[in-house]
Amino acid sequence: NDFRPRIMNAHSSNGFVVTDITIRNCPNHCLEMYTDSTEIFNIQIYNPPSELPNSNQESHNTDGIDVHGQPFYVHDSVINTGDD
């Protein structure tokens, strides 16, 4: 069990749309998407890098978007995290 929460955890959905959000300093996977026919656009995700010298602001395993469905479209977005 992972004690760190996800920002969005979607399951068993079809025709899912995520747009116009900004996520900062997410403690785990930011968007965990078990959805089909999904479109994500115009979002921004910012987390610190995995390793920062002399800092406690590291963010290991902070996937921007974890995709578990198809088709899945991500466009016109910025994803800058400590993982991917």
PDB file of N, CA and C in Angstrom:
ATOM      1  N   ASN A   1       0.827  -1.189   0.000  1.00  0.00           N
ATOM      2  CA  ASN A   1       0.000   0.000   0.000  1.00  0.00           C
ATOM      3  C   ASN A   1       0.867   1.247   0.000  1.00  0.00           C
ATOM      4  N   ASP A   2       0.499   2.179  -0.844  1.00  0.00           N
ATOM      5  CA  ASP A   2       1.210   3.437  -0.911  1.00  0.00           C
ATOM      6  C   ASP A   2       0.404   4.480  -0.154  1.00  0.00           C
ATOM      7  N   PHE A   3       1.002   5.112   0.817  1.00  0.00           N
ATOM      8  CA  PHE A   3       0.296   6.063   1.673  1.00  0.00           C
ATOM      9  C   PHE A   3       0.133   7.440   1.040  1.00  0.00           C
ATOM     10  N   ARG A   4       0.810   7.691  -0.071  1.00  0.00           N
ATOM     11  CA  ARG A   4       0.733   9.012  -0.694  1.00  0.00           C
ATOM     12  C   ARG A   4      -0.471   9.086  -1.637  1.00  0.00           C
ATOM     13  N   PRO A   5      -1.319  10.088  -1.506  1.00  0.00           N
ATOM     14  CA  PRO A   5      -2.520  10.165  -2.351  1.00  0.00           C
ATOM     15  C   PRO A   5      -2.214  10.589  -3.780  1.00  0.00           C
ATOM     16  N   ARG A   6      -3.085  10.199  -4.681  1.00  0.00           N
ATOM     17  CA  ARG A   6      -3.038  10.662  -6.066  1.00  0.00           C
ATOM     18  C   ARG A   6      -3.995  11.847  -6.189  1.00  0.00           C
ATOM     19  N   ILE A   7      -3.713  12.744  -7.121  1.00  0.00           N
ATOM     20  CA  ILE A   7      -4.590  13.896  -7.309  1.00  0.00           C
ATOM     21  C   ILE A   7      -5.900  13.459  -7.958  1.00  0.00           C
ATOM     22  N   MET A   8      -5.815  12.626  -9.012  1.00  0.00           N
ATOM     23  CA  MET A   8      -7.012  12.109  -9.666  1.00  0.00           C
ATOM     24  C   MET A   8      -6.816  10.628  -9.927  1.00  0.00           C
ATOM     25  N   ASN A   9      -7.785   9.819  -9.529  1.00  0.00           N
ATOM     26  CA  ASN A   9      -7.741   8.380  -9.699  1.00  0.00           C
ATOM     27  C   ASN A   9      -9.063   7.976 -10.344  1.00  0.00           C
ATOM     28  N   ALA A  10      -9.092   7.826 -11.674  1.00  0.00           N
ATOM     29  CA  ALA A  10     -10.319   7.533 -12.409  1.00  0.00           C
ATOM     30  C   ALA A  10     -10.334   6.073 -12.844  1.00  0.00           C
ATOM     31  N   HIS A  11     -11.483   5.411 -12.667  1.00  0.00           N
ATOM     32  CA  HIS A  11     -11.626   3.991 -12.999  1.00  0.00           C
ATOM     33  C   HIS A  11     -12.893   3.740 -13.806  1.00  0.00           C
ATOM     34  N   SER A  12     -12.807   2.778 -14.710  1.00  0.00           N
ATOM     35  CA  SER A  12     -13.975   2.251 -15.438  1.00  0.00           C
ATOM     36  C   SER A  12     -14.809   3.336 -16.098  1.00  0.00           C
ATOM     37  N   SER A  13     -14.141   4.267 -16.769  1.00  0.00           N
ATOM     38  CA  SER A  13     -14.853   5.344 -17.449  1.00  0.00           C
ATOM     39  C   SER A  13     -14.566   5.311 -18.938  1.00  0.00           C
ATOM     40  N   ASN A  14     -15.483   5.854 -19.707  1.00  0.00           N
ATOM     41  CA  ASN A  14     -15.351   5.933 -21.158  1.00  0.00           C
ATOM     42  C   ASN A  14     -15.765   7.340 -21.591  1.00  0.00           C
ATOM     43  N   GLY A  15     -14.969   7.946 -22.469  1.00  0.00           N
ATOM     44  CA  GLY A  15     -15.264   9.307 -22.902  1.00  0.00           C
ATOM     45  C   GLY A  15     -14.893  10.331 -21.851  1.00  0.00           C
ATOM     46  N   PHE A  16     -13.743  10.164 -21.228  1.00  0.00           N
ATOM     47  CA  PHE A  16     -13.286  10.998 -20.118  1.00  0.00           C
ATOM     48  C   PHE A  16     -12.472  12.172 -20.662  1.00  0.00           C
ATOM     49  N   VAL A  17     -12.707  13.387 -20.171  1.00  0.00           N
ATOM     50  CA  VAL A  17     -11.973  14.582 -20.598  1.00  0.00           C
ATOM     51  C   VAL A  17     -11.438  15.298 -19.361  1.00  0.00           C
ATOM     52  N   VAL A  18     -10.150  15.668 -19.420  1.00  0.00           N
ATOM     53  CA  VAL A  18      -9.527  16.490 -18.377  1.00  0.00           C
ATOM     54  C   VAL A  18      -8.911  17.682 -19.084  1.00  0.00           C
ATOM     55  N   THR A  19      -9.251  18.890 -18.654  1.00  0.00           N
ATOM     56  CA  THR A  19      -8.722  20.086 -19.300  1.00  0.00           C
ATOM     57  C   THR A  19      -8.644  21.256 -18.319  1.00  0.00           C
ATOM     58  N   ASP A  20      -7.761  22.184 -18.646  1.00  0.00           N
ATOM     59  CA  ASP A  20      -7.664  23.463 -17.936  1.00  0.00           C
ATOM     60  C   ASP A  20      -7.411  23.330 -16.445  1.00  0.00           C
ATOM     61  N   ILE A  21      -6.426  22.488 -16.063  1.00  0.00           N
ATOM     62  CA  ILE A  21      -6.038  22.382 -14.657  1.00  0.00           C
ATOM     63  C   ILE A  21      -4.528  22.547 -14.533  1.00  0.00           C
ATOM     64  N   THR A  22      -4.087  22.968 -13.371  1.00  0.00           N
ATOM     65  CA  THR A  22      -2.672  23.028 -13.017  1.00  0.00           C
ATOM     66  C   THR A  22      -2.488  22.264 -11.714  1.00  0.00           C
ATOM     67  N   ILE A  23      -1.488  21.364 -11.700  1.00  0.00           N
ATOM     68  CA  ILE A  23      -1.173  20.574 -10.511  1.00  0.00           C
ATOM     69  C   ILE A  23       0.263  20.876 -10.120  1.00  0.00           C
ATOM     70  N   ARG A  24       0.484  21.144  -8.839  1.00  0.00           N
ATOM     71  CA  ARG A  24       1.834  21.419  -8.335  1.00  0.00           C
ATOM     72  C   ARG A  24       2.110  20.552  -7.108  1.00  0.00           C
ATOM     73  N   ASN A  25       3.344  20.047  -7.046  1.00  0.00           N
ATOM     74  CA  ASN A  25       3.823  19.316  -5.860  1.00  0.00           C
ATOM     75  C   ASN A  25       2.923  18.138  -5.472  1.00  0.00           C
ATOM     76  N   CYS A  26       2.557  17.375  -6.439  1.00  0.00           N
ATOM     77  CA  CYS A  26       1.757  16.171  -6.221  1.00  0.00           C
ATOM     78  C   CYS A  26       2.600  15.143  -5.467  1.00  0.00           C
ATOM     79  N   PRO A  27       2.051  14.470  -4.437  1.00  0.00           N
ATOM     80  CA  PRO A  27       2.847  13.548  -3.630  1.00  0.00           C
ATOM     81  C   PRO A  27       3.059  12.170  -4.256  1.00  0.00           C
ATOM     82  N   ASN A  28       2.356  11.856  -5.358  1.00  0.00           N
ATOM     83  CA  ASN A  28       2.441  10.532  -5.978  1.00  0.00           C
ATOM     84  C   ASN A  28       2.113  10.690  -7.451  1.00  0.00           C
ATOM     85  N   HIS A  29       1.587   9.655  -8.078  1.00  0.00           N
ATOM     86  CA  HIS A  29       1.129   9.788  -9.463  1.00  0.00           C
ATOM     87  C   HIS A  29       0.072  10.884  -9.488  1.00  0.00           C
ATOM     88  N   CYS A  30       0.205  11.792 -10.424  1.00  0.00           N
ATOM     89  CA  CYS A  30      -0.738  12.915 -10.450  1.00  0.00           C
ATOM     90  C   CYS A  30      -2.101  12.495 -10.997  1.00  0.00           C
ATOM     91  N   LEU A  31      -2.125  11.927 -12.206  1.00  0.00           N
ATOM     92  CA  LEU A  31      -3.367  11.467 -12.808  1.00  0.00           C
ATOM     93  C   LEU A  31      -3.245   9.970 -13.077  1.00  0.00           C
ATOM     94  N   GLU A  32      -3.994   9.173 -12.369  1.00  0.00           N
ATOM     95  CA  GLU A  32      -4.020   7.712 -12.551  1.00  0.00           C
ATOM     96  C   GLU A  32      -5.306   7.403 -13.311  1.00  0.00           C
ATOM     97  N   MET A  33      -5.176   7.037 -14.602  1.00  0.00           N
ATOM     98  CA  MET A  33      -6.320   6.985 -15.493  1.00  0.00           C
ATOM     99  C   MET A  33      -6.575   5.576 -16.023  1.00  0.00           C
ATOM    100  N   TYR A  34      -7.555   4.893 -15.456  1.00  0.00           N
ATOM    101  CA  TYR A  34      -8.031   3.604 -15.967  1.00  0.00           C
ATOM    102  C   TYR A  34      -9.287   3.892 -16.791  1.00  0.00           C
ATOM    103  N   THR A  35      -9.105   4.629 -17.898  1.00  0.00           N
ATOM    104  CA  THR A  35     -10.230   5.108 -18.688  1.00  0.00           C
ATOM    105  C   THR A  35      -9.977   4.872 -20.172  1.00  0.00           C
ATOM    106  N   ASP A  36     -11.043   4.706 -20.927  1.00  0.00           N
ATOM    107  CA  ASP A  36     -10.961   4.559 -22.381  1.00  0.00           C
ATOM    108  C   ASP A  36     -11.526   5.810 -23.052  1.00  0.00           C
ATOM    109  N   SER A  37     -11.112   6.007 -24.306  1.00  0.00           N
ATOM    110  CA  SER A  37     -11.564   7.171 -25.083  1.00  0.00           C
ATOM    111  C   SER A  37     -11.367   8.445 -24.267  1.00  0.00           C
ATOM    112  N   THR A  38     -10.116   8.664 -23.862  1.00  0.00           N
ATOM    113  CA  THR A  38      -9.773   9.773 -22.964  1.00  0.00           C
ATOM    114  C   THR A  38      -8.989  10.850 -23.707  1.00  0.00           C
ATOM    115  N   GLU A  39      -9.285  12.095 -23.399  1.00  0.00           N
ATOM    116  CA  GLU A  39      -8.528  13.224 -23.933  1.00  0.00           C
ATOM    117  C   GLU A  39      -8.127  14.129 -22.783  1.00  0.00           C
ATOM    118  N   ILE A  40      -6.844  14.453 -22.742  1.00  0.00           N
ATOM    119  CA  ILE A  40      -6.301  15.372 -21.741  1.00  0.00           C
ATOM    120  C   ILE A  40      -5.600  16.485 -22.496  1.00  0.00           C
ATOM    121  N   PHE A  41      -6.008  17.727 -22.237  1.00  0.00           N
ATOM    122  CA  PHE A  41      -5.375  18.840 -22.948  1.00  0.00           C
ATOM    123  C   PHE A  41      -5.413  20.104 -22.104  1.00  0.00           C
ATOM    124  N   ASN A  42      -4.477  20.968 -22.415  1.00  0.00           N
ATOM    125  CA  ASN A  42      -4.345  22.254 -21.741  1.00  0.00           C
ATOM    126  C   ASN A  42      -4.216  22.090 -20.226  1.00  0.00           C
ATOM    127  N   ILE A  43      -3.371  21.129 -19.819  1.00  0.00           N
ATOM    128  CA  ILE A  43      -3.079  20.967 -18.390  1.00  0.00           C
ATOM    129  C   ILE A  43      -1.606  21.266 -18.147  1.00  0.00           C
ATOM    130  N   GLN A  44      -1.279  21.541 -16.908  1.00  0.00           N
ATOM    131  CA  GLN A  44       0.102  21.762 -16.495  1.00  0.00           C
ATOM    132  C   GLN A  44       0.338  20.985 -15.211  1.00  0.00           C
ATOM    133  N   ILE A  45       1.437  20.216 -15.193  1.00  0.00           N
ATOM    134  CA  ILE A  45       1.818  19.464 -14.000  1.00  0.00           C
ATOM    135  C   ILE A  45       3.268  19.806 -13.687  1.00  0.00           C
ATOM    136  N   TYR A  46       3.519  20.295 -12.468  1.00  0.00           N
ATOM    137  CA  TYR A  46       4.863  20.681 -12.045  1.00  0.00           C
ATOM    138  C   TYR A  46       5.198  20.024 -10.707  1.00  0.00           C
ATOM    139  N   ASN A  47       6.225  19.202 -10.702  1.00  0.00           N
ATOM    140  CA  ASN A  47       6.773  18.616  -9.474  1.00  0.00           C
ATOM    141  C   ASN A  47       8.282  18.793  -9.493  1.00  0.00           C
ATOM    142  N   PRO A  48       8.915  18.825  -8.324  1.00  0.00           N
ATOM    143  CA  PRO A  48      10.375  18.931  -8.301  1.00  0.00           C
ATOM    144  C   PRO A  48      11.023  17.712  -8.963  1.00  0.00           C
ATOM    145  N   PRO A  49      12.267  17.823  -9.383  1.00  0.00           N
ATOM    146  CA  PRO A  49      12.976  16.664  -9.940  1.00  0.00           C
ATOM    147  C   PRO A  49      13.187  15.574  -8.893  1.00  0.00           C
ATOM    148  N   SER A  50      13.550  14.381  -9.344  1.00  0.00           N
ATOM    149  CA  SER A  50      13.766  13.249  -8.433  1.00  0.00           C
ATOM    150  C   SER A  50      14.913  13.487  -7.465  1.00  0.00           C
ATOM    151  N   GLU A  51      15.914  14.218  -7.885  1.00  0.00           N
ATOM    152  CA  GLU A  51      17.062  14.460  -7.014  1.00  0.00           C
ATOM    153  C   GLU A  51      17.460  15.929  -7.067  1.00  0.00           C
ATOM    154  N   LEU A  52      17.395  16.566  -5.943  1.00  0.00           N
ATOM    155  CA  LEU A  52      17.849  17.947  -5.817  1.00  0.00           C
ATOM    156  C   LEU A  52      18.950  17.991  -4.770  1.00  0.00           C
ATOM    157  N   PRO A  53      20.136  18.415  -5.146  1.00  0.00           N
ATOM    158  CA  PRO A  53      21.218  18.505  -4.157  1.00  0.00           C
ATOM    159  C   PRO A  53      20.838  19.436  -3.006  1.00  0.00           C
ATOM    160  N   ASN A  54      21.130  19.001  -1.799  1.00  0.00           N
ATOM    161  CA  ASN A  54      20.900  19.808  -0.600  1.00  0.00           C
ATOM    162  C   ASN A  54      19.449  20.267  -0.441  1.00  0.00           C
ATOM    163  N   SER A  55      18.509  19.379  -0.768  1.00  0.00           N
ATOM    164  CA  SER A  55      17.109  19.759  -0.682  1.00  0.00           C
ATOM    165  C   SER A  55      16.266  18.592  -0.176  1.00  0.00           C
ATOM    166  N   ASN A  56      15.179  18.909   0.480  1.00  0.00           N
ATOM    167  CA  ASN A  56      14.212  17.882   0.865  1.00  0.00           C
ATOM    168  C   ASN A  56      12.970  17.952  -0.024  1.00  0.00           C
ATOM    169  N   GLN A  57      13.098  18.584  -1.172  1.00  0.00           N
ATOM    170  CA  GLN A  57      11.978  18.764  -2.094  1.00  0.00           C
ATOM    171  C   GLN A  57      12.010  17.784  -3.266  1.00  0.00           C
ATOM    172  N   GLU A  58      12.560  16.595  -3.064  1.00  0.00           N
ATOM    173  CA  GLU A  58      12.613  15.605  -4.132  1.00  0.00           C
ATOM    174  C   GLU A  58      11.229  14.986  -4.320  1.00  0.00           C
ATOM    175  N   SER A  59      10.981  14.482  -5.519  1.00  0.00           N
ATOM    176  CA  SER A  59       9.665  13.889  -5.783  1.00  0.00           C
ATOM    177  C   SER A  59       9.816  12.596  -6.571  1.00  0.00           C
ATOM    178  N   HIS A  60      10.103  11.519  -5.871  1.00  0.00           N
ATOM    179  CA  HIS A  60      10.257  10.218  -6.505  1.00  0.00           C
ATOM    180  C   HIS A  60       8.896   9.628  -6.868  1.00  0.00           C
ATOM    181  N   ASN A  61       8.848   8.950  -8.004  1.00  0.00           N
ATOM    182  CA  ASN A  61       7.647   8.240  -8.450  1.00  0.00           C
ATOM    183  C   ASN A  61       6.428   9.152  -8.546  1.00  0.00           C
ATOM    184  N   THR A  62       6.615  10.314  -9.111  1.00  0.00           N
ATOM    185  CA  THR A  62       5.514  11.255  -9.289  1.00  0.00           C
ATOM    186  C   THR A  62       5.129  11.311 -10.762  1.00  0.00           C
ATOM    187  N   ASP A  63       4.682  10.175 -11.277  1.00  0.00           N
ATOM    188  CA  ASP A  63       4.266  10.122 -12.676  1.00  0.00           C
ATOM    189  C   ASP A  63       3.290  11.255 -12.973  1.00  0.00           C
ATOM    190  N   GLY A  64       3.474  11.884 -14.100  1.00  0.00           N
ATOM    191  CA  GLY A  64       2.530  12.926 -14.508  1.00  0.00           C
ATOM    192  C   GLY A  64       1.171  12.319 -14.806  1.00  0.00           C
ATOM    193  N   ILE A  65       1.143  11.400 -15.778  1.00  0.00           N
ATOM    194  CA  ILE A  65      -0.100  10.728 -16.159  1.00  0.00           C
ATOM    195  C   ILE A  65       0.202   9.251 -16.304  1.00  0.00           C
ATOM    196  N   ASP A  66      -0.488   8.424 -15.557  1.00  0.00           N
ATOM    197  CA  ASP A  66      -0.382   6.977 -15.677  1.00  0.00           C
ATOM    198  C   ASP A  66      -1.558   6.505 -16.525  1.00  0.00           C
ATOM    199  N   VAL A  67      -1.257   6.029 -17.722  1.00  0.00           N
ATOM    200  CA  VAL A  67      -2.280   5.664 -18.705  1.00  0.00           C
ATOM    201  C   VAL A  67      -2.561   4.166 -18.642  1.00  0.00           C
ATOM    202  N   HIS A  68      -3.839   3.814 -18.488  1.00  0.00           N
ATOM    203  CA  HIS A  68      -4.277   2.416 -18.475  1.00  0.00           C
ATOM    204  C   HIS A  68      -5.535   2.267 -19.320  1.00  0.00           C
ATOM    205  N   GLY A  69      -5.521   2.765 -20.531  1.00  0.00           N
ATOM    206  CA  GLY A  69      -6.692   2.677 -21.395  1.00  0.00           C
ATOM    207  C   GLY A  69      -6.345   3.082 -22.808  1.00  0.00           C
ATOM    208  N   GLN A  70      -7.331   2.963 -23.698  1.00  0.00           N
ATOM    209  CA  GLN A  70      -7.119   3.349 -25.100  1.00  0.00           C
ATOM    210  C   GLN A  70      -8.446   3.673 -25.758  1.00  0.00           C
ATOM    211  N   PRO A  71      -8.487   4.462 -26.783  1.00  0.00           N
ATOM    212  CA  PRO A  71      -7.432   5.397 -27.165  1.00  0.00           C
ATOM    213  C   PRO A  71      -7.285   6.489 -26.112  1.00  0.00           C
ATOM    214  N   PHE A  72      -6.100   7.079 -26.090  1.00  0.00           N
ATOM    215  CA  PHE A  72      -5.749   8.054 -25.068  1.00  0.00           C
ATOM    216  C   PHE A  72      -4.973   9.181 -25.733  1.00  0.00           C
ATOM    217  N   TYR A  73      -5.479  10.410 -25.667  1.00  0.00           N
ATOM    218  CA  TYR A  73      -4.853  11.554 -26.333  1.00  0.00           C
ATOM    219  C   TYR A  73      -4.445  12.600 -25.300  1.00  0.00           C
ATOM    220  N   VAL A  74      -3.170  12.966 -25.319  1.00  0.00           N
ATOM    221  CA  VAL A  74      -2.656  14.040 -24.470  1.00  0.00           C
ATOM    222  C   VAL A  74      -2.013  15.055 -25.404  1.00  0.00           C
ATOM    223  N   HIS A  75      -2.451  16.298 -25.316  1.00  0.00           N
ATOM    224  CA  HIS A  75      -1.878  17.316 -26.203  1.00  0.00           C
ATOM    225  C   HIS A  75      -1.976  18.704 -25.562  1.00  0.00           C
ATOM    226  N   ASP A  76      -1.146  19.603 -26.089  1.00  0.00           N
ATOM    227  CA  ASP A  76      -1.116  21.001 -25.653  1.00  0.00           C
ATOM    228  C   ASP A  76      -1.005  21.129 -24.137  1.00  0.00           C
ATOM    229  N   SER A  77      -0.079  20.370 -23.562  1.00  0.00           N
ATOM    230  CA  SER A  77       0.098  20.327 -22.113  1.00  0.00           C
ATOM    231  C   SER A  77       1.562  20.385 -21.733  1.00  0.00           C
ATOM    232  N   VAL A  78       1.842  20.704 -20.474  1.00  0.00           N
ATOM    233  CA  VAL A  78       3.191  20.719 -19.927  1.00  0.00           C
ATOM    234  C   VAL A  78       3.215  19.737 -18.748  1.00  0.00           C
ATOM    235  N   ILE A  79       4.143  18.770 -18.804  1.00  0.00           N
ATOM    236  CA  ILE A  79       4.287  17.811 -17.707  1.00  0.00           C
ATOM    237  C   ILE A  79       5.765  17.798 -17.317  1.00  0.00           C
ATOM    238  N   ASN A  80       6.062  18.286 -16.127  1.00  0.00           N
ATOM    239  CA  ASN A  80       7.425  18.415 -15.651  1.00  0.00           C
ATOM    240  C   ASN A  80       7.467  17.837 -14.250  1.00  0.00           C
ATOM    241  N   THR A  81       7.898  16.557 -14.144  1.00  0.00           N
ATOM    242  CA  THR A  81       7.844  15.857 -12.856  1.00  0.00           C
ATOM    243  C   THR A  81       9.150  15.154 -12.540  1.00  0.00           C
ATOM    244  N   GLY A  82       9.208  14.543 -11.360  1.00  0.00           N
ATOM    245  CA  GLY A  82      10.384  13.817 -10.939  1.00  0.00           C
ATOM    246  C   GLY A  82      10.480  12.429 -11.527  1.00  0.00           C
ATOM    247  N   ASP A  83       9.501  12.025 -12.314  1.00  0.00           N
ATOM    248  CA  ASP A  83       9.513  10.682 -12.885  1.00  0.00           C
ATOM    249  C   ASP A  83       9.368  10.744 -14.403  1.00  0.00           C
ATOM    250  N   ASP A  84       8.193  11.085 -14.897  1.00  0.00           N
ATOM    251  CA  ASP A  84       7.995  11.171 -16.345  1.00  0.00           C
ATOM    252  C   ASP A  84       6.950  12.214 -16.682  1.00  0.00           C
TER     253      ASP A  84
END
